[in-house]
PDB file of N, CA and C in Angstrom:
ATOM      1  N   MET A   1      11.154  -2.413   6.047  1.00  0.00           N
ATOM      2  CA  MET A   1      10.677  -1.341   5.163  1.00  0.00           C
ATOM      3  C   MET A   1       9.182  -1.489   4.992  1.00  0.00           C
ATOM      4  N   ASP A   2       8.488  -0.403   5.092  1.00  0.00           N
ATOM      5  CA  ASP A   2       7.033  -0.444   4.856  1.00  0.00           C
ATOM      6  C   ASP A   2       6.699  -0.302   3.391  1.00  0.00           C
ATOM      7  N   ALA A   3       5.633  -0.936   2.939  1.00  0.00           N
ATOM      8  CA  ALA A   3       5.149  -0.841   1.606  1.00  0.00           C
ATOM      9  C   ALA A   3       3.648  -0.422   1.675  1.00  0.00           C
ATOM     10  N   LYS A   4       3.200   0.320   0.721  1.00  0.00           N
ATOM     11  CA  LYS A   4       1.793   0.764   0.718  1.00  0.00           C
ATOM     12  C   LYS A   4       0.974  -0.089  -0.179  1.00  0.00           C
ATOM     13  N   ILE A   5      -0.294  -0.333   0.257  1.00  0.00           N
ATOM     14  CA  ILE A   5      -1.287  -1.033  -0.525  1.00  0.00           C
ATOM     15  C   ILE A   5      -2.618  -0.298  -0.419  1.00  0.00           C
ATOM     16  N   THR A   6      -3.435  -0.567  -1.361  1.00  0.00           N
ATOM     17  CA  THR A   6      -4.786   0.010  -1.316  1.00  0.00           C
ATOM     18  C   THR A   6      -5.781  -1.061  -1.162  1.00  0.00           C
ATOM     19  N   LEU A   7      -6.672  -0.940  -0.199  1.00  0.00           N
ATOM     20  CA  LEU A   7      -7.727  -1.931   0.123  1.00  0.00           C
ATOM     21  C   LEU A   7      -9.068  -1.248   0.119  1.00  0.00           C
ATOM     22  N   SER A   8     -10.075  -2.009  -0.173  1.00  0.00           N
ATOM     23  CA  SER A   8     -11.451  -1.524  -0.129  1.00  0.00           C
ATOM     24  C   SER A   8     -12.266  -2.340   0.884  1.00  0.00           C
ATOM     25  N   PHE A   9     -12.967  -1.596   1.765  1.00  0.00           N
ATOM     26  CA  PHE A   9     -13.750  -2.286   2.810  1.00  0.00           C
ATOM     27  C   PHE A   9     -15.117  -1.499   2.864  1.00  0.00           C
ATOM     28  N   ASP A  10     -16.044  -2.203   3.466  1.00  0.00           N
ATOM     29  CA  ASP A  10     -17.317  -1.503   3.733  1.00  0.00           C
ATOM     30  C   ASP A  10     -17.050  -0.368   4.696  1.00  0.00           C
ATOM     31  N   GLU A  11     -17.693   0.822   4.415  1.00  0.00           N
ATOM     32  CA  GLU A  11     -17.351   1.987   5.162  1.00  0.00           C
ATOM     33  C   GLU A  11     -17.671   1.826   6.686  1.00  0.00           C
ATOM     34  N   ALA A  12     -18.742   1.121   6.991  1.00  0.00           N
ATOM     35  CA  ALA A  12     -19.136   0.871   8.384  1.00  0.00           C
ATOM     36  C   ALA A  12     -18.039   0.026   9.094  1.00  0.00           C
ATOM     37  N   VAL A  13     -17.497  -0.945   8.406  1.00  0.00           N
ATOM     38  CA  VAL A  13     -16.408  -1.743   8.957  1.00  0.00           C
ATOM     39  C   VAL A  13     -15.182  -0.908   9.221  1.00  0.00           C
ATOM     40  N   ILE A  14     -14.858  -0.072   8.279  1.00  0.00           N
ATOM     41  CA  ILE A  14     -13.717   0.826   8.463  1.00  0.00           C
ATOM     42  C   ILE A  14     -13.893   1.726   9.673  1.00  0.00           C
ATOM     43  N   ASN A  15     -15.059   2.293   9.801  1.00  0.00           N
ATOM     44  CA  ASN A  15     -15.308   3.200  10.917  1.00  0.00           C
ATOM     45  C   ASN A  15     -15.156   2.471  12.297  1.00  0.00           C
ATOM     46  N   LYS A  16     -15.716   1.270  12.348  1.00  0.00           N
ATOM     47  CA  LYS A  16     -15.637   0.486  13.578  1.00  0.00           C
ATOM     48  C   LYS A  16     -14.176   0.045  13.837  1.00  0.00           C
ATOM     49  N   ALA A  17     -13.428  -0.291  12.781  1.00  0.00           N
ATOM     50  CA  ALA A  17     -12.041  -0.670  12.929  1.00  0.00           C
ATOM     51  C   ALA A  17     -11.241   0.514  13.424  1.00  0.00           C
ATOM     52  N   LYS A  18     -11.508   1.683  12.906  1.00  0.00           N
ATOM     53  CA  LYS A  18     -10.797   2.919  13.328  1.00  0.00           C
ATOM     54  C   LYS A  18     -10.989   3.168  14.793  1.00  0.00           C
ATOM     55  N   LYS A  19     -12.276   3.014  15.271  1.00  0.00           N
ATOM     56  CA  LYS A  19     -12.576   3.255  16.656  1.00  0.00           C
ATOM     57  C   LYS A  19     -11.895   2.203  17.543  1.00  0.00           C
ATOM     58  N   TYR A  20     -11.898   0.952  17.057  1.00  0.00           N
ATOM     59  CA  TYR A  20     -11.188  -0.097  17.824  1.00  0.00           C
ATOM     60  C   TYR A  20      -9.665   0.188  17.890  1.00  0.00           C
ATOM     61  N   ALA A  21      -9.094   0.519  16.806  1.00  0.00           N
ATOM     62  CA  ALA A  21      -7.650   0.840  16.791  1.00  0.00           C
ATOM     63  C   ALA A  21      -7.360   2.031  17.722  1.00  0.00           C
ATOM     64  N   ASP A  22      -8.153   3.078  17.620  1.00  0.00           N
ATOM     65  CA  ASP A  22      -7.955   4.244  18.465  1.00  0.00           C
ATOM     66  C   ASP A  22      -8.091   3.868  19.985  1.00  0.00           C
ATOM     67  N   ALA A  23      -9.049   3.076  20.311  1.00  0.00           N
ATOM     68  CA  ALA A  23      -9.275   2.683  21.681  1.00  0.00           C
ATOM     69  C   ALA A  23      -8.106   1.815  22.215  1.00  0.00           C
ATOM     70  N   ASN A  24      -7.415   1.151  21.256  1.00  0.00           N
ATOM     71  CA  ASN A  24      -6.277   0.305  21.678  1.00  0.00           C
ATOM     72  C   ASN A  24      -4.958   0.929  21.389  1.00  0.00           C
ATOM     73  N   ASP A  25      -4.993   2.236  21.094  1.00  0.00           N
ATOM     74  CA  ASP A  25      -3.754   3.039  20.863  1.00  0.00           C
ATOM     75  C   ASP A  25      -2.837   2.439  19.825  1.00  0.00           C
ATOM     76  N   ILE A  26      -3.428   2.113  18.663  1.00  0.00           N
ATOM     77  CA  ILE A  26      -2.625   1.513  17.583  1.00  0.00           C
ATOM     78  C   ILE A  26      -3.222   2.129  16.274  1.00  0.00           C
ATOM     79  N   SER A  27      -2.403   2.361  15.314  1.00  0.00           N
ATOM     80  CA  SER A  27      -2.876   2.866  14.029  1.00  0.00           C
ATOM     81  C   SER A  27      -3.638   1.776  13.277  1.00  0.00           C
ATOM     82  N   LEU A  28      -4.550   2.180  12.420  1.00  0.00           N
ATOM     83  CA  LEU A  28      -5.255   1.202  11.614  1.00  0.00           C
ATOM     84  C   LEU A  28      -4.312   0.443  10.707  1.00  0.00           C
ATOM     85  N   SER A  29      -3.241   1.043  10.199  1.00  0.00           N
ATOM     86  CA  SER A  29      -2.285   0.332   9.405  1.00  0.00           C
ATOM     87  C   SER A  29      -1.566  -0.740  10.229  1.00  0.00           C
ATOM     88  N   ARG A  30      -1.127  -0.442  11.458  1.00  0.00           N
ATOM     89  CA  ARG A  30      -0.477  -1.467  12.268  1.00  0.00           C
ATOM     90  C   ARG A  30      -1.453  -2.540  12.701  1.00  0.00           C
ATOM     91  N   LEU A  31      -2.703  -2.204  12.956  1.00  0.00           N
ATOM     92  CA  LEU A  31      -3.717  -3.190  13.288  1.00  0.00           C
ATOM     93  C   LEU A  31      -3.889  -4.127  12.110  1.00  0.00           C
ATOM     94  N   THR A  32      -3.994  -3.617  10.876  1.00  0.00           N
ATOM     95  CA  THR A  32      -4.115  -4.428   9.744  1.00  0.00           C
ATOM     96  C   THR A  32      -2.894  -5.297   9.521  1.00  0.00           C
ATOM     97  N   GLU A  33      -1.703  -4.732   9.780  1.00  0.00           N
ATOM     98  CA  GLU A  33      -0.500  -5.502   9.619  1.00  0.00           C
ATOM     99  C   GLU A  33      -0.469  -6.635  10.652  1.00  0.00           C
ATOM    100  N   PHE A  34      -0.922  -6.340  11.853  1.00  0.00           N
ATOM    101  CA  PHE A  34      -0.980  -7.395  12.899  1.00  0.00           C
ATOM    102  C   PHE A  34      -1.887  -8.546  12.446  1.00  0.00           C
ATOM    103  N   LEU A  35      -3.060  -8.174  11.920  1.00  0.00           N
ATOM    104  CA  LEU A  35      -4.041  -9.204  11.478  1.00  0.00           C
ATOM    105  C   LEU A  35      -3.432 -10.055  10.326  1.00  0.00           C
ATOM    106  N   TYR A  36      -2.789  -9.398   9.418  1.00  0.00           N
ATOM    107  CA  TYR A  36      -2.145 -10.146   8.307  1.00  0.00           C
ATOM    108  C   TYR A  36      -1.001 -11.040   8.822  1.00  0.00           C
ATOM    109  N   SER A  37      -0.260 -10.596   9.787  1.00  0.00           N
ATOM    110  CA  SER A  37       0.794 -11.409  10.326  1.00  0.00           C
ATOM    111  C   SER A  37       0.241 -12.669  11.016  1.00  0.00           C
ATOM    112  N   LYS A  38      -0.913 -12.510  11.654  1.00  0.00           N
ATOM    113  CA  LYS A  38      -1.628 -13.679  12.280  1.00  0.00           C
ATOM    114  C   LYS A  38      -2.078 -14.677  11.185  1.00  0.00           C
ATOM    115  N   ILE A  39      -2.700 -14.114  10.137  1.00  0.00           N
ATOM    116  CA  ILE A  39      -3.196 -14.923   9.056  1.00  0.00           C
ATOM    117  C   ILE A  39      -2.104 -15.746   8.414  1.00  0.00           C
ATOM    118  N   THR A  40      -0.984 -15.141   8.230  1.00  0.00           N
ATOM    119  CA  THR A  40       0.124 -15.794   7.477  1.00  0.00           C
ATOM    120  C   THR A  40       1.125 -16.504   8.326  1.00  0.00           C
ATOM    121  N   SER A  41       0.829 -16.597   9.638  1.00  0.00           N
ATOM    122  CA  SER A  41       1.790 -17.230  10.543  1.00  0.00           C
ATOM    123  C   SER A  41       1.848 -18.755  10.323  1.00  0.00           C
ATOM    124  N   GLY A  42       0.817 -19.376   9.745  1.00  0.00           N
ATOM    125  CA  GLY A  42       0.806 -20.794   9.521  1.00  0.00           C
ATOM    126  C   GLY A  42       0.409 -21.627  10.765  1.00  0.00           C
ATOM    127  N   HIS A  43      -0.069 -20.947  11.801  1.00  0.00           N
ATOM    128  CA  HIS A  43      -0.426 -21.656  13.019  1.00  0.00           C
ATOM    129  C   HIS A  43      -1.904 -22.136  13.013  1.00  0.00           C
ATOM    130  N   TYR A  44      -2.657 -21.770  11.995  1.00  0.00           N
ATOM    131  CA  TYR A  44      -4.089 -22.060  11.967  1.00  0.00           C
ATOM    132  C   TYR A  44      -4.439 -22.830  10.741  1.00  0.00           C
ATOM    133  N   GLN A  45      -5.338 -23.833  10.888  1.00  0.00           N
ATOM    134  CA  GLN A  45      -5.735 -24.639   9.775  1.00  0.00           C
ATOM    135  C   GLN A  45      -6.781 -23.891   8.859  1.00  0.00           C
ATOM    136  N   THR A  46      -7.651 -23.114   9.479  1.00  0.00           N
ATOM    137  CA  THR A  46      -8.640 -22.394   8.680  1.00  0.00           C
ATOM    138  C   THR A  46      -8.800 -20.992   9.324  1.00  0.00           C
ATOM    139  N   LEU A  47      -9.474 -20.137   8.593  1.00  0.00           N
ATOM    140  CA  LEU A  47      -9.743 -18.789   9.109  1.00  0.00           C
ATOM    141  C   LEU A  47     -10.574 -18.797  10.367  1.00  0.00           C
ATOM    142  N   GLU A  48     -11.504 -19.799  10.419  1.00  0.00           N
ATOM    143  CA  GLU A  48     -12.399 -19.898  11.569  1.00  0.00           C
ATOM    144  C   GLU A  48     -11.610 -20.227  12.873  1.00  0.00           C
ATOM    145  N   ASP A  49     -10.450 -20.863  12.763  1.00  0.00           N
ATOM    146  CA  ASP A  49      -9.635 -21.257  13.906  1.00  0.00           C
ATOM    147  C   ASP A  49      -8.876 -20.051  14.524  1.00  0.00           C
ATOM    148  N   MET A  50      -8.796 -19.019  13.785  1.00  0.00           N
ATOM    149  CA  MET A  50      -7.994 -17.858  14.259  1.00  0.00           C
ATOM    150  C   MET A  50      -8.691 -17.042  15.256  1.00  0.00           C
ATOM    151  N   PRO A  51      -7.995 -16.605  16.318  1.00  0.00           N
ATOM    152  CA  PRO A  51      -8.650 -15.731  17.285  1.00  0.00           C
ATOM    153  C   PRO A  51      -9.020 -14.388  16.694  1.00  0.00           C
ATOM    154  N   VAL A  52      -8.477 -14.072  15.555  1.00  0.00           N
ATOM    155  CA  VAL A  52      -8.836 -12.835  14.894  1.00  0.00           C
ATOM    156  C   VAL A  52     -10.335 -12.844  14.465  1.00  0.00           C
ATOM    157  N   SER A  53     -10.854 -14.062  14.193  1.00  0.00           N
ATOM    158  CA  SER A  53     -12.247 -14.146  13.763  1.00  0.00           C
ATOM    159  C   SER A  53     -13.214 -13.512  14.820  1.00  0.00           C
ATOM    160  N   ASP A  54     -12.918 -13.560  16.047  1.00  0.00           N
ATOM    161  CA  ASP A  54     -13.728 -12.956  17.072  1.00  0.00           C
ATOM    162  C   ASP A  54     -13.767 -11.426  16.885  1.00  0.00           C
ATOM    163  N   TRP A  55     -12.565 -10.891  16.611  1.00  0.00           N
ATOM    164  CA  TRP A  55     -12.443  -9.466  16.344  1.00  0.00           C
ATOM    165  C   TRP A  55     -13.214  -9.074  15.129  1.00  0.00           C
ATOM    166  N   VAL A  56     -13.083  -9.811  14.032  1.00  0.00           N
ATOM    167  CA  VAL A  56     -13.772  -9.554  12.848  1.00  0.00           C
ATOM    168  C   VAL A  56     -15.287  -9.513  13.092  1.00  0.00           C
ATOM    169  N   GLN A  57     -15.799 -10.424  13.846  1.00  0.00           N
ATOM    170  CA  GLN A  57     -17.229 -10.475  14.175  1.00  0.00           C
ATOM    171  C   GLN A  57     -17.662  -9.179  14.892  1.00  0.00           C
ATOM    172  N   LEU A  58     -16.781  -8.607  15.702  1.00  0.00           N
ATOM    173  CA  LEU A  58     -17.082  -7.445  16.452  1.00  0.00           C
ATOM    174  C   LEU A  58     -17.250  -6.237  15.541  1.00  0.00           C
ATOM    175  N   VAL A  59     -16.460  -6.140  14.515  1.00  0.00           N
ATOM    176  CA  VAL A  59     -16.439  -4.954  13.639  1.00  0.00           C
ATOM    177  C   VAL A  59     -17.232  -5.117  12.372  1.00  0.00           C
ATOM    178  N   ALA A  60     -17.616  -6.349  12.060  1.00  0.00           N
ATOM    179  CA  ALA A  60     -18.416  -6.542  10.827  1.00  0.00           C
ATOM    180  C   ALA A  60     -19.911  -6.378  11.122  1.00  0.00           C
ATOM    181  N   GLU A  61     -20.610  -6.068  10.057  1.00  0.00           N
ATOM    182  CA  GLU A  61     -22.047  -5.960  10.097  1.00  0.00           C
ATOM    183  C   GLU A  61     -22.633  -7.307   9.645  1.00  0.00           C
ATOM    184  N   GLY A  62     -23.454  -7.873  10.480  1.00  0.00           N
ATOM    185  CA  GLY A  62     -24.030  -9.147  10.092  1.00  0.00           C
ATOM    186  C   GLY A  62     -23.053 -10.297  10.348  1.00  0.00           C
ATOM    187  N   LYS A  63     -23.453 -11.491   9.959  1.00  0.00           N
ATOM    188  CA  LYS A  63     -22.623 -12.692  10.197  1.00  0.00           C
ATOM    189  C   LYS A  63     -21.404 -12.683   9.340  1.00  0.00           C
ATOM    190  N   VAL A  64     -20.268 -13.068   9.928  1.00  0.00           N
ATOM    191  CA  VAL A  64     -19.018 -13.164   9.176  1.00  0.00           C
ATOM    192  C   VAL A  64     -19.076 -14.404   8.299  1.00  0.00           C
ATOM    193  N   GLU A  65     -18.756 -14.250   7.023  1.00  0.00           N
ATOM    194  CA  GLU A  65     -18.742 -15.377   6.123  1.00  0.00           C
ATOM    195  C   GLU A  65     -17.397 -15.415   5.397  1.00  0.00           C
ATOM    196  N   TYR A  66     -16.697 -16.525   5.607  1.00  0.00           N
ATOM    197  CA  TYR A  66     -15.422 -16.693   4.924  1.00  0.00           C
ATOM    198  C   TYR A  66     -15.637 -17.498   3.649  1.00  0.00           C
ATOM    199  N   LYS A  67     -15.102 -17.026   2.609  1.00  0.00           N
ATOM    200  CA  LYS A  67     -15.217 -17.774   1.315  1.00  0.00           C
ATOM    201  C   LYS A  67     -13.876 -18.443   1.049  1.00  0.00           C
ATOM    202  N   THR A  68     -13.914 -19.764   1.171  1.00  0.00           N
ATOM    203  CA  THR A  68     -12.700 -20.527   0.904  1.00  0.00           C
ATOM    204  C   THR A  68     -13.004 -21.542  -0.186  1.00  0.00           C
ATOM    205  N   SER A  69     -11.935 -22.100  -0.716  1.00  0.00           N
ATOM    206  CA  SER A  69     -12.148 -23.007  -1.839  1.00  0.00           C
ATOM    207  C   SER A  69     -11.967 -24.491  -1.346  1.00  0.00           C
ATOM    208  N   ALA A  70     -12.036 -24.712  -0.066  1.00  0.00           N
ATOM    209  CA  ALA A  70     -11.925 -26.055   0.455  1.00  0.00           C
ATOM    210  C   ALA A  70     -13.106 -26.895  -0.043  1.00  0.00           C
ATOM    211  N   SER A  71     -12.764 -28.075  -0.550  1.00  0.00           N
ATOM    212  CA  SER A  71     -13.795 -28.934  -1.045  1.00  0.00           C
ATOM    213  C   SER A  71     -14.335 -29.907   0.000  1.00  0.00           C
ATOM    214  N   LYS A  72     -13.576 -30.028   1.129  1.00  0.00           N
ATOM    215  CA  LYS A  72     -13.994 -30.886   2.197  1.00  0.00           C
ATOM    216  C   LYS A  72     -14.825 -30.054   3.228  1.00  0.00           C
ATOM    217  N   SER A  73     -15.723 -30.714   3.914  1.00  0.00           N
ATOM    218  CA  SER A  73     -16.486 -30.025   4.935  1.00  0.00           C
ATOM    219  C   SER A  73     -15.554 -29.701   6.098  1.00  0.00           C
ATOM    220  N   ARG A  74     -15.999 -28.764   6.918  1.00  0.00           N
ATOM    221  CA  ARG A  74     -15.263 -28.440   8.086  1.00  0.00           C
ATOM    222  C   ARG A  74     -15.077 -29.611   9.013  1.00  0.00           C
ATOM    223  N   LYS A  75     -16.143 -30.390   9.155  1.00  0.00           N
ATOM    224  CA  LYS A  75     -16.145 -31.548  10.019  1.00  0.00           C
ATOM    225  C   LYS A  75     -15.106 -32.526   9.510  1.00  0.00           C
ATOM    226  N   ALA A  76     -15.046 -32.777   8.193  1.00  0.00           N
ATOM    227  CA  ALA A  76     -14.107 -33.701   7.601  1.00  0.00           C
ATOM    228  C   ALA A  76     -12.686 -33.214   7.779  1.00  0.00           C
ATOM    229  N   LEU A  77     -12.451 -31.898   7.579  1.00  0.00           N
ATOM    230  CA  LEU A  77     -11.157 -31.370   7.805  1.00  0.00           C
ATOM    231  C   LEU A  77     -10.672 -31.474   9.246  1.00  0.00           C
ATOM    232  N   LYS A  78     -11.615 -31.238  10.156  1.00  0.00           N
ATOM    233  CA  LYS A  78     -11.278 -31.363  11.570  1.00  0.00           C
ATOM    234  C   LYS A  78     -10.909 -32.781  11.924  1.00  0.00           C
ATOM    235  N   LYS A  79     -11.695 -33.741  11.474  1.00  0.00           N
ATOM    236  CA  LYS A  79     -11.417 -35.116  11.704  1.00  0.00           C
ATOM    237  C   LYS A  79     -10.061 -35.536  11.135  1.00  0.00           C
ATOM    238  N   GLU A  80      -9.764 -35.105   9.898  1.00  0.00           N
ATOM    239  CA  GLU A  80      -8.511 -35.370   9.262  1.00  0.00           C
ATOM    240  C   GLU A  80      -7.334 -34.834  10.113  1.00  0.00           C
ATOM    241  N   TYR A  81      -7.508 -33.577  10.631  1.00  0.00           N
ATOM    242  CA  TYR A  81      -6.463 -32.954  11.406  1.00  0.00           C
ATOM    243  C   TYR A  81      -6.181 -33.701  12.679  1.00  0.00           C
ATOM    244  N   PHE A  82      -7.255 -34.108  13.382  1.00  0.00           N
ATOM    245  CA  PHE A  82      -7.025 -34.792  14.709  1.00  0.00           C
ATOM    246  C   PHE A  82      -6.517 -36.218  14.462  1.00  0.00           C
ATOM    247  N   ASN A  83      -6.883 -36.847  13.366  1.00  0.00           N
ATOM    248  CA  ASN A  83      -6.321 -38.162  13.024  1.00  0.00           C
ATOM    249  C   ASN A  83      -4.826 -38.063  12.745  1.00  0.00           C
ATOM    250  N   SER A  84      -4.408 -36.975  12.148  1.00  0.00           N
ATOM    251  CA  SER A  84      -3.010 -36.776  11.831  1.00  0.00           C
ATOM    252  C   SER A  84      -2.143 -36.567  13.051  1.00  0.00           C
ATOM    253  N   LYS A  85      -2.781 -36.215  14.178  1.00  0.00           N
ATOM    254  CA  LYS A  85      -2.026 -35.955  15.428  1.00  0.00           C
ATOM    255  C   LYS A  85      -1.855 -37.205  16.270  1.00  0.00           C
ATOM    256  N   LYS A  86      -2.508 -38.290  15.871  1.00  0.00           N
ATOM    257  CA  LYS A  86      -2.418 -39.557  16.655  1.00  0.00           C
ATOM    258  C   LYS A  86      -1.130 -40.269  16.401  1.00  0.00           C
TER     259      LYS A  86
END
């Protein structure tokens, strides 16, 4: 079952996203749903690790900046992750 939500984005980002969705024969709603499913899949440690970040950079104006509440540096988190895999 689909549910509706209201989101606010920069108008230029929305226009680029609409063009991207149209070029890939997908609705903007389904594209957004796809991105959210990737984000919530649990396969990625940080937003920067997601392949979606490349797409975000294509449609965003300026440098993409993720605001997270992580208190550890990215380098420390990466080291912790790789140490946990040993």
